[in-house]
Protein backbone atom coordinates (compact mmCIF):
# COMPACT_ATOMS: atom_id res chain seq x y z
CA MET A 1 -50.79 -40.59 105.77
CA LEU A 2 -47.13 -40.82 106.72
CA GLN A 3 -45.86 -38.29 104.26
CA ALA A 4 -48.44 -35.84 105.31
CA TYR A 5 -47.43 -36.31 108.85
CA ALA A 6 -43.89 -35.94 108.10
CA LEU A 7 -44.28 -32.81 106.48
CA GLN A 8 -46.21 -31.37 109.29
CA GLN A 9 -43.59 -32.44 111.66
CA THR A 10 -40.87 -31.20 109.54
CA ILE A 11 -42.45 -27.48 109.54
CA LEU A 12 -43.07 -27.75 113.31
CA ASP A 13 -39.50 -28.66 113.72
CA MET A 14 -38.52 -25.50 112.00
CA GLY A 15 -40.38 -23.48 114.76
CA MET A 16 -43.42 -22.56 112.55
CA LYS A 17 -47.01 -23.48 113.13
CA CYS A 18 -48.74 -25.89 110.89
CA GLU A 19 -52.07 -27.05 110.14
CA ILE A 20 -53.28 -29.83 107.50
CA ILE A 21 -56.42 -28.52 105.58
CA ASN A 22 -59.02 -31.29 106.45
CA LEU A 23 -60.16 -31.94 102.85
CA ARG A 24 -62.33 -35.07 102.63
CA THR A 25 -64.15 -35.31 99.29
CA PRO A 26 -67.03 -37.67 98.61
CA ARG A 27 -64.94 -39.57 96.14
CA GLN A 28 -62.11 -40.05 98.66
CA ARG A 29 -64.61 -41.33 101.50
CA LYS A 30 -66.01 -43.61 98.90
CA MET A 31 -62.50 -45.06 98.04
CA TYR A 32 -61.40 -45.72 101.82
CA SER A 33 -64.78 -46.47 103.49
CA ARG A 34 -66.40 -48.65 101.03
CA TYR A 35 -65.06 -51.86 102.90
CA ILE A 36 -67.01 -50.81 106.08
CA HIS A 37 -70.04 -49.35 104.54
CA ARG A 38 -71.18 -52.42 102.87
CA SER A 39 -74.92 -53.58 103.24
CA LEU A 40 -75.57 -56.17 106.04
CA LEU A 41 -76.06 -58.85 103.37
CA LYS A 42 -72.79 -58.12 101.70
CA ARG A 43 -70.97 -58.06 105.01
CA LEU A 44 -72.48 -61.41 105.92
CA MET A 45 -71.70 -63.05 102.64
CA LEU A 46 -67.98 -61.83 102.83
CA THR A 47 -67.74 -63.03 106.52
CA LEU A 48 -69.14 -66.51 105.51
CA ARG A 49 -66.92 -66.82 102.48
CA TYR A 50 -63.69 -65.29 103.85
CA PRO A 51 -63.76 -65.54 107.75
CA GLY A 52 -61.98 -62.60 109.49
CA CYS A 53 -61.87 -60.34 106.39
CA GLN A 54 -64.63 -58.01 107.39
CA ASP A 55 -63.24 -57.73 110.81
CA MET A 56 -59.77 -56.79 109.50
CA HIS A 57 -61.30 -54.08 107.19
CA ASP A 58 -63.18 -52.45 110.03
CA ARG A 59 -60.12 -52.45 112.24
CA LYS A 60 -57.83 -51.12 109.58
CA TYR A 61 -60.23 -48.28 108.94
CA ARG A 62 -60.47 -47.33 112.66
CA LEU A 63 -56.50 -47.44 112.94
CA PHE A 64 -56.12 -44.96 109.99
CA GLU A 65 -58.89 -42.57 111.55
CA GLU A 66 -56.98 -42.89 114.86
CA PHE A 67 -53.92 -41.98 113.33
CA LEU A 68 -55.33 -39.00 111.53
CA ASN A 69 -57.25 -37.76 114.54
CA ASN A 70 -54.39 -38.28 116.98
CA GLU A 71 -51.19 -37.36 114.96
CA TYR A 72 -52.56 -34.67 112.46
CA ILE A 73 -53.01 -30.84 113.45
CA LEU A 74 -56.17 -30.42 111.25
CA SER A 75 -57.84 -27.16 110.24
CA PRO A 76 -60.93 -26.52 112.59
CA LYS A 77 -63.26 -27.07 109.65
CA GLU A 78 -63.63 -30.26 107.29
CA TYR A 79 -64.03 -29.40 103.46
CA PRO A 80 -65.94 -31.80 101.26
CA SER A 81 -64.98 -29.91 97.82
CA LEU A 82 -62.91 -27.19 96.17
CA GLN A 83 -66.25 -25.14 95.88
CA ALA A 84 -66.45 -25.27 99.98
CA LEU A 85 -62.73 -24.15 100.14
CA GLU A 86 -63.38 -21.27 97.61
CA ALA A 87 -66.42 -20.28 99.71
CA ASP A 88 -64.69 -20.38 102.98
CA CYS A 89 -60.96 -20.32 102.57
CA PRO A 90 -59.07 -21.08 105.66
CA VAL A 91 -56.66 -18.24 106.44
CA TYR A 92 -52.95 -18.91 106.59
CA ASP A 93 -49.80 -17.10 105.99
CA ALA A 94 -48.66 -19.47 103.23
CA TYR A 95 -50.23 -22.54 101.69
CA ILE A 96 -48.40 -25.77 100.62
CA SER A 97 -49.23 -28.55 98.10
CA GLY A 98 -47.65 -31.46 99.41
CA SER A 99 -46.71 -34.30 98.84
CA ASP A 100 -46.97 -37.65 97.10
CA GLN A 101 -49.16 -38.15 93.90
CA ILE A 102 -51.39 -35.17 94.48
CA TRP A 103 -50.84 -34.01 90.97
CA ASN A 104 -51.51 -37.31 89.34
CA THR A 105 -54.57 -36.50 87.67
CA SER A 106 -55.46 -40.25 86.97
CA CYS A 107 -55.83 -41.00 90.68
CA TYR A 108 -59.31 -42.07 91.53
CA ASP A 109 -59.42 -39.45 94.25
CA PHE A 110 -57.55 -36.69 92.64
CA ASP A 111 -59.01 -33.19 93.25
CA TRP A 112 -58.08 -29.76 91.68
CA SER A 113 -57.93 -28.43 95.18
CA TYR A 114 -54.36 -29.87 95.40
CA PHE A 115 -53.12 -27.11 93.03
CA LEU A 116 -54.55 -24.50 95.56
CA PRO A 117 -56.86 -22.48 93.17
CA PHE A 118 -58.84 -21.35 96.25
CA VAL A 119 -55.81 -19.34 97.42
CA SER A 120 -55.23 -15.67 96.50
CA GLY A 121 -52.90 -13.07 97.82
CA LYS A 122 -50.71 -15.38 99.72
CA PRO A 123 -47.73 -17.23 99.01
CA LYS A 124 -48.28 -20.71 97.31
CA ILE A 125 -45.67 -23.44 97.54
CA ALA A 126 -45.45 -26.84 96.31
CA TYR A 127 -43.23 -29.25 98.16
CA ALA A 128 -42.53 -32.61 96.61
CA PRO A 129 -45.62 -33.42 94.72
CA SER A 130 -45.61 -36.28 92.13
CA MET A 131 -47.60 -37.04 89.08
CA GLY A 132 -47.25 -40.69 89.46
CA PRO A 133 -45.17 -43.60 88.20
CA VAL A 134 -45.49 -42.74 84.40
CA PRO A 135 -46.42 -38.99 84.32
CA ASP A 136 -46.57 -38.74 80.49
CA LYS A 137 -49.19 -41.31 80.40
CA GLU A 138 -51.00 -40.54 83.72
CA VAL A 139 -51.35 -36.76 83.49
CA MET A 140 -53.75 -36.45 80.51
CA ASP A 141 -53.09 -33.98 77.87
CA GLU A 142 -56.65 -32.51 78.02
CA ASN A 143 -55.67 -31.21 81.66
CA ALA A 144 -52.60 -29.60 80.32
CA MET A 145 -53.76 -25.90 79.75
CA ARG A 146 -55.38 -26.04 83.29
CA ILE A 147 -52.39 -27.18 85.00
CA LYS A 148 -50.10 -24.61 83.34
CA GLU A 149 -52.38 -21.82 84.40
CA LEU A 150 -52.52 -23.15 88.05
CA LEU A 151 -48.74 -23.60 88.17
CA ALA A 152 -48.35 -20.03 87.20
CA GLY A 153 -49.89 -19.01 90.51
CA TYR A 154 -47.22 -20.65 92.44
CA ASP A 155 -44.29 -18.75 94.13
CA ARG A 156 -42.04 -21.75 94.74
CA ILE A 157 -42.13 -25.40 93.28
CA ALA A 158 -39.98 -28.31 93.93
CA VAL A 159 -41.16 -31.63 92.79
CA ARG A 160 -40.42 -35.13 94.11
CA GLU A 161 -38.93 -37.02 91.16
CA ARG A 162 -37.49 -36.30 87.76
CA GLY A 163 -40.39 -37.77 85.71
CA THR A 164 -42.68 -35.24 87.47
CA ALA A 165 -40.20 -32.43 86.59
CA GLN A 166 -39.93 -33.50 83.10
CA ARG A 167 -43.77 -33.44 82.64
CA LEU A 168 -44.07 -29.88 84.25
CA GLU A 169 -41.13 -28.80 81.90
CA SER A 170 -42.98 -30.05 78.86
CA LEU A 171 -46.17 -28.22 80.05
CA THR A 172 -44.28 -24.83 80.93
CA GLY A 173 -40.91 -24.82 79.60
CA LYS A 174 -39.46 -24.19 82.88
CA THR A 175 -37.07 -26.48 85.08
CA TYR A 176 -37.87 -27.55 88.51
CA PRO A 177 -35.79 -28.54 91.48
CA LEU A 178 -36.14 -31.87 93.07
CA ALA A 179 -36.97 -32.26 96.82
CA MET A 180 -37.00 -35.31 99.05
CA ASP A 181 -40.15 -37.01 99.83
CA PRO A 182 -41.22 -35.81 103.38
CA THR A 183 -40.80 -39.25 104.98
CA MET A 184 -37.24 -39.07 104.28
CA LEU A 185 -36.73 -35.59 106.00
CA LEU A 186 -37.35 -37.06 109.19
CA PRO A 187 -34.43 -39.25 110.67
CA ALA A 188 -34.94 -43.06 111.01
CA SER A 189 -34.81 -42.94 114.66
CA ARG A 190 -38.36 -41.05 114.56
CA TRP A 191 -39.90 -43.78 112.48
CA LYS A 192 -38.40 -46.45 114.62
CA ALA A 193 -39.83 -44.95 117.71
CA MET A 194 -43.36 -44.84 116.12
CA ALA A 195 -42.90 -48.42 114.82
CA GLY A 196 -42.15 -49.61 118.31
CA ASP A 197 -39.35 -51.98 119.58
CA ARG A 198 -41.50 -55.17 119.53
CA PRO A 199 -42.67 -56.94 116.28
CA LEU A 200 -46.51 -57.09 116.31
CA THR A 201 -46.18 -60.30 114.18
CA GLY A 202 -44.73 -62.48 116.90
CA LYS A 203 -41.27 -64.13 117.41
CA ASP A 204 -40.99 -65.86 114.12
CA PRO A 205 -38.88 -64.23 111.47
CA TYR A 206 -40.82 -63.05 108.31
CA MET A 207 -40.77 -61.36 104.97
CA PHE A 208 -42.94 -58.25 104.81
CA PHE A 209 -44.80 -58.02 101.47
CA TYR A 210 -47.02 -54.88 100.42
CA THR A 211 -48.13 -53.51 97.29
CA PRO A 212 -50.90 -50.99 97.06
CA TRP A 213 -53.08 -52.54 94.19
CA TYR A 214 -53.62 -56.33 93.49
CA ARG A 215 -51.29 -57.63 90.69
CA LYS A 216 -50.97 -61.44 90.48
CA GLU A 217 -47.48 -61.44 89.15
CA ILE A 218 -46.12 -59.71 92.32
CA TYR A 219 -47.86 -61.97 94.55
CA GLN A 220 -46.43 -64.91 92.60
CA LEU A 221 -42.98 -63.27 93.14
CA ALA A 222 -43.60 -63.10 96.80
CA LYS A 223 -44.69 -66.62 96.95
CA ASP A 224 -41.57 -67.87 95.18
CA MET A 225 -39.32 -65.71 97.42
CA SER A 226 -41.09 -67.00 100.55
CA GLU A 227 -40.56 -70.61 99.64
CA ARG A 228 -36.80 -70.03 98.68
CA LEU A 229 -35.88 -67.96 101.69
CA GLY A 230 -38.09 -70.05 104.12
CA LEU A 231 -39.83 -66.98 105.39
CA LYS A 232 -43.58 -66.53 105.62
CA ALA A 233 -44.65 -63.36 103.89
CA VAL A 234 -46.73 -61.10 106.09
CA VAL A 235 -49.39 -59.18 104.14
CA SER A 236 -51.01 -56.05 105.43
CA GLN A 237 -54.05 -55.74 103.02
CA VAL A 238 -56.73 -58.09 101.73
CA SER A 239 -59.26 -58.05 99.14
CA LYS A 240 -61.75 -60.55 97.67
CA ASP A 241 -59.29 -61.06 94.74
CA ILE A 242 -56.25 -61.70 97.15
CA LEU A 243 -58.08 -64.07 99.27
CA ARG A 244 -59.72 -65.96 96.24
CA ASP A 245 -56.22 -66.51 94.67
CA TRP A 246 -54.13 -66.66 97.76
CA GLY A 247 -56.22 -67.14 100.90
CA ASN A 248 -55.32 -70.81 101.21
CA ASP A 249 -51.73 -70.55 100.38
CA SER A 250 -49.37 -71.26 103.37
CA SER A 251 -46.78 -68.79 102.00
CA PHE A 252 -48.80 -65.83 103.20
CA ARG A 253 -49.90 -64.75 106.54
CA PHE A 254 -52.66 -62.03 106.35
CA LEU A 255 -52.46 -59.24 109.07
CA ALA A 256 -54.34 -56.68 107.42
CA ALA A 257 -55.82 -54.89 110.48
CA ALA A 258 -53.09 -52.56 110.04
CA GLY A 259 -52.80 -48.73 110.17
CA PRO A 260 -49.60 -46.46 109.65
CA ARG A 261 -47.94 -47.39 112.85
CA GLU A 262 -48.63 -51.13 112.02
CA PHE A 263 -47.22 -50.65 108.58
CA LEU A 264 -43.93 -49.27 109.96
CA ASN A 265 -43.85 -52.01 112.64
CA TYR A 266 -44.22 -54.67 109.99
CA CYS A 267 -41.27 -53.01 107.93
CA ARG A 268 -38.95 -52.26 110.88
CA HIS A 269 -39.04 -56.03 112.17
CA ALA A 270 -39.14 -57.75 108.88
CA GLU A 271 -35.82 -59.86 107.62
CA MET A 272 -36.73 -59.03 104.01
CA ILE A 273 -39.15 -56.62 102.28
CA VAL A 274 -40.80 -57.07 98.98
CA GLY A 275 -43.42 -55.20 97.03
CA GLY A 276 -44.41 -52.64 94.53
CA SER A 277 -44.55 -49.44 96.52
CA PHE A 278 -42.40 -46.25 96.56
CA HIS A 279 -42.84 -45.75 100.40
CA LEU A 280 -42.15 -49.37 101.05
CA ALA A 281 -38.71 -48.84 99.42
CA VAL A 282 -38.25 -45.62 101.37
CA PHE A 283 -38.73 -47.32 104.78
CA SER A 284 -36.58 -50.23 103.70
CA ILE A 285 -33.82 -47.95 103.07
CA LEU A 286 -34.38 -45.90 106.29
CA PHE A 287 -34.34 -48.85 108.24
CA LYS A 288 -31.52 -50.55 106.32
CA LEU A 289 -33.28 -53.71 105.45
CA PRO A 290 -32.82 -56.13 102.48
CA PHE A 291 -35.63 -55.43 100.05
CA LEU A 292 -36.67 -55.97 96.37
CA THR A 293 -39.06 -53.59 94.52
CA TYR A 294 -40.99 -55.09 91.44
CA ASP A 295 -40.01 -53.47 88.23
CA GLY A 296 -38.93 -50.43 90.18
CA MET A 297 -36.67 -48.96 87.51
CA ASN A 298 -39.73 -48.49 85.17
CA ASP A 299 -41.53 -46.38 87.93
CA SER A 300 -40.53 -42.71 87.74
CA ARG A 301 -40.71 -42.44 91.50
CA ILE A 302 -38.93 -45.46 92.59
CA SER A 303 -36.30 -45.38 89.96
CA SER A 304 -35.52 -41.78 91.14
CA LEU A 305 -35.11 -43.14 94.63
CA LEU A 306 -32.96 -46.02 93.83
CA THR A 307 -30.81 -43.92 91.60
CA LEU A 308 -30.19 -41.54 94.13
CA THR A 309 -29.25 -44.00 96.82
CA GLY A 310 -27.19 -46.35 94.29
CA LEU A 311 -29.63 -49.19 95.08
CA GLU A 312 -30.68 -50.02 91.25
CA ARG A 313 -30.00 -53.57 91.79
CA GLN A 314 -32.88 -53.88 94.36
CA SER A 315 -35.24 -53.53 91.48
CA HIS A 316 -36.69 -56.78 90.24
CA THR A 317 -36.94 -57.13 86.53
CA PRO A 318 -40.06 -59.11 85.57
CA GLY A 319 -39.41 -62.56 84.06
CA THR A 320 -36.34 -63.01 85.86
CA VAL A 321 -35.32 -65.02 88.91
CA PRO A 322 -33.95 -63.17 91.86
CA ASP A 323 -30.65 -64.21 92.99
CA LEU A 324 -30.87 -65.78 96.61
CA GLU A 325 -27.41 -64.68 97.56
CA VAL A 326 -28.17 -61.03 96.55
CA LEU A 327 -31.42 -61.24 98.51
CA ARG A 328 -29.85 -62.63 101.60
CA ALA A 329 -27.00 -60.02 101.75
CA ARG A 330 -27.74 -56.73 103.24
CA PRO A 331 -27.18 -53.99 100.96
CA ASP A 332 -24.28 -51.61 101.71
CA PHE A 333 -26.29 -48.51 102.75
CA SER A 334 -23.43 -46.19 103.54
CA TYR A 335 -23.47 -44.63 100.07
CA ALA A 336 -27.35 -44.18 100.30
CA GLU A 337 -27.19 -42.72 103.75
CA ALA A 338 -24.57 -40.02 102.52
CA ARG A 339 -26.76 -39.28 99.60
CA ILE A 340 -30.06 -39.00 101.60
CA GLY A 341 -28.12 -36.67 104.13
CA GLU A 342 -27.04 -34.42 101.35
CA ARG A 343 -30.58 -34.28 99.65
CA ARG A 344 -32.22 -33.84 103.18
CA GLN A 345 -30.21 -30.88 103.89
CA ASP A 346 -30.79 -29.37 100.56
CA SER A 347 -34.55 -30.04 100.74
CA LEU A 348 -34.78 -28.69 104.18
CA ALA A 349 -33.00 -25.39 103.19
CA TRP A 350 -35.21 -25.02 100.10
CA LEU A 351 -38.37 -25.40 102.21
CA ARG A 352 -37.09 -23.05 104.97
CA SER A 353 -36.38 -20.57 102.38
CA ALA A 354 -39.66 -20.90 100.65
CA LEU A 355 -41.65 -20.48 103.82
CA SER A 356 -39.33 -17.72 105.23
CA ALA A 357 -40.15 -15.65 101.95
CA GLY A 358 -43.78 -16.29 102.63
């Protein structure tokens, strides 16, 4: 949600008009609305077993919908499928695929629309798409020929991280430049303004913990760090598995009624940030906060970011114990800030050139 917003705003800042094609496939809807579209019996059972959980899911869904409707400039028509786009292609001067894991064919809600096969006769640009944490494994070989054919239809392509560039090179034999994730094209001041000046968590200091998918070992790391640092871990998502294993653990405080703005607020006002998410690392760096990312150097997306910014030591190696002194110390972000500034200018110049050519 935040990276799509950021790319939209970046293009608007360039003095151009921009709309986001409102593609909402049945699979995507199922993925994101399954928590609120349960049967009445399931909702009742969940409420009785995990009080407050269903309410948090309902509110989280509403907050994401509100952000989408209030912050996005959407195409007038909503499209449920590639076939719908092919039958009634919205008319623009240029089209962009971007960004995040839209080219990771292993994603549950992946759709071939993200390669823009419904566009003909107009410039096609790919800005910072990703093929995921381990592209060699996640982009399946059986899709290679189709991807190669679709890439040939693009006028300009710049990808987000080196792993994606290498995977595309193995498919096409061509080299591809790197572009910064859209969230890093906007200055930190814009994100701080969206996050708000007052912490939604209250006055007590806290550690913000976020990982998109439940993995017990990451939660164990967060618990250990919470106890060692004396900071309660604020968690912005819940599930049956999470609540079953950690719901009664005093190390965690579940504030899962959180949309994009709340996520930013939790990041901005934290004493420490821990998790397994690319964008969590992005906002930790933009807000200049101490952070630790789980096994980040084995994730193509996160390792590219940490290498660019010289913050490799903020990656936690599984099976090791984090150094408390390192955790408490705020990293020196001066080098990171300089490198981000350079890459931001290069990326903006590339995007401006690609759009101008269109």
